[in-house]
């Protein structure tokens, strides 16, 4: 079984270490990295960034 951090890192096309640094607030993803992560977790960018409590993604 692939660890969750490794899966999320692969989805964002970054190293597992870089993903861990995001989790610990040592560095921040690029805008494109945020889009990849929001897609991977199937949440809105606002939810991912803590700007909304609504996880839903509104797709037109």
C-alpha atoms as a PDB file:
ATOM      1  CA  UNK A   1       0.000   0.000   0.000  1.00  0.00           C
ATOM      2  CA  UNK A   2       1.333   3.444  -0.957  1.00  0.00           C
ATOM      3  CA  UNK A   3       1.445   5.930   1.966  1.00  0.00           C
ATOM      4  CA  UNK A   4      -1.070   8.813   1.675  1.00  0.00           C
ATOM      5  CA  UNK A   5       1.637  11.492   1.627  1.00  0.00           C
ATOM      6  CA  UNK A   6       3.375   9.749  -1.252  1.00  0.00           C
ATOM      7  CA  UNK A   7       0.086   9.512  -3.193  1.00  0.00           C
ATOM      8  CA  UNK A   8      -0.716  13.202  -2.664  1.00  0.00           C
ATOM      9  CA  UNK A   9       2.838  14.192  -3.598  1.00  0.00           C
ATOM     10  CA  UNK A  10       2.628  12.167  -6.798  1.00  0.00           C
ATOM     11  CA  UNK A  11      -0.724  13.799  -7.653  1.00  0.00           C
ATOM     12  CA  UNK A  12       0.852  17.255  -7.250  1.00  0.00           C
ATOM     13  CA  UNK A  13       3.974  16.169  -9.161  1.00  0.00           C
ATOM     14  CA  UNK A  14       6.285  17.000  -6.234  1.00  0.00           C
ATOM     15  CA  UNK A  15       8.573  15.038  -3.933  1.00  0.00           C
ATOM     16  CA  UNK A  16       7.207  13.434  -0.785  1.00  0.00           C
ATOM     17  CA  UNK A  17       9.591  15.617   1.251  1.00  0.00           C
ATOM     18  CA  UNK A  18       8.257  18.758  -0.414  1.00  0.00           C
ATOM     19  CA  UNK A  19       4.703  17.656   0.416  1.00  0.00           C
ATOM     20  CA  UNK A  20       5.717  17.107   4.048  1.00  0.00           C
ATOM     21  CA  UNK A  21       7.176  20.607   4.107  1.00  0.00           C
ATOM     22  CA  UNK A  22       3.753  21.915   3.000  1.00  0.00           C
ATOM     23  CA  UNK A  23       2.083  20.065   5.869  1.00  0.00           C
ATOM     24  CA  UNK A  24       4.537  21.516   8.400  1.00  0.00           C
ATOM     25  CA  UNK A  25       4.325  25.039   6.967  1.00  0.00           C
ATOM     26  CA  UNK A  26       7.998  25.127   5.965  1.00  0.00           C
ATOM     27  CA  UNK A  27       7.116  26.106   2.391  1.00  0.00           C
ATOM     28  CA  UNK A  28       4.022  26.624   0.278  1.00  0.00           C
ATOM     29  CA  UNK A  29       2.782  25.139  -2.982  1.00  0.00           C
ATOM     30  CA  UNK A  30       2.586  27.060  -6.211  1.00  0.00           C
ATOM     31  CA  UNK A  31      -0.818  28.005  -7.589  1.00  0.00           C
ATOM     32  CA  UNK A  32      -0.659  25.048  -9.962  1.00  0.00           C
ATOM     33  CA  UNK A  33       0.334  22.775  -7.078  1.00  0.00           C
ATOM     34  CA  UNK A  34      -2.748  23.942  -5.170  1.00  0.00           C
ATOM     35  CA  UNK A  35      -4.951  23.064  -8.131  1.00  0.00           C
ATOM     36  CA  UNK A  36      -3.438  19.563  -8.309  1.00  0.00           C
ATOM     37  CA  UNK A  37      -3.961  19.039  -4.579  1.00  0.00           C
ATOM     38  CA  UNK A  38      -7.544  20.339  -4.646  1.00  0.00           C
ATOM     39  CA  UNK A  39      -8.304  17.963  -7.514  1.00  0.00           C
ATOM     40  CA  UNK A  40      -6.611  15.074  -5.699  1.00  0.00           C
ATOM     41  CA  UNK A  41      -8.629  15.656  -2.498  1.00  0.00           C
ATOM     42  CA  UNK A  42     -11.756  16.578  -4.504  1.00  0.00           C
ATOM     43  CA  UNK A  43     -12.253  19.840  -2.612  1.00  0.00           C
ATOM     44  CA  UNK A  44     -12.514  23.468  -3.630  1.00  0.00           C
ATOM     45  CA  UNK A  45      -9.452  25.702  -3.542  1.00  0.00           C
ATOM     46  CA  UNK A  46     -11.158  27.869  -0.908  1.00  0.00           C
ATOM     47  CA  UNK A  47     -11.650  24.818   1.313  1.00  0.00           C
ATOM     48  CA  UNK A  48      -8.062  23.712   0.782  1.00  0.00           C
ATOM     49  CA  UNK A  49      -6.829  27.174   1.789  1.00  0.00           C
ATOM     50  CA  UNK A  50      -9.105  27.376   4.848  1.00  0.00           C
ATOM     51  CA  UNK A  51     -11.260  30.143   3.386  1.00  0.00           C
ATOM     52  CA  UNK A  52     -14.461  28.089   3.393  1.00  0.00           C
ATOM     53  CA  UNK A  53     -16.053  25.276   5.365  1.00  0.00           C
ATOM     54  CA  UNK A  54     -17.705  23.994   2.188  1.00  0.00           C
ATOM     55  CA  UNK A  55     -15.782  21.060   0.663  1.00  0.00           C
ATOM     56  CA  UNK A  56     -17.948  20.961  -2.470  1.00  0.00           C
ATOM     57  CA  UNK A  57     -16.449  21.753  -5.824  1.00  0.00           C
ATOM     58  CA  UNK A  58     -18.779  23.736  -8.065  1.00  0.00           C
ATOM     59  CA  UNK A  59     -18.241  22.551 -11.608  1.00  0.00           C
ATOM     60  CA  UNK A  60     -19.975  24.294 -14.461  1.00  0.00           C
END
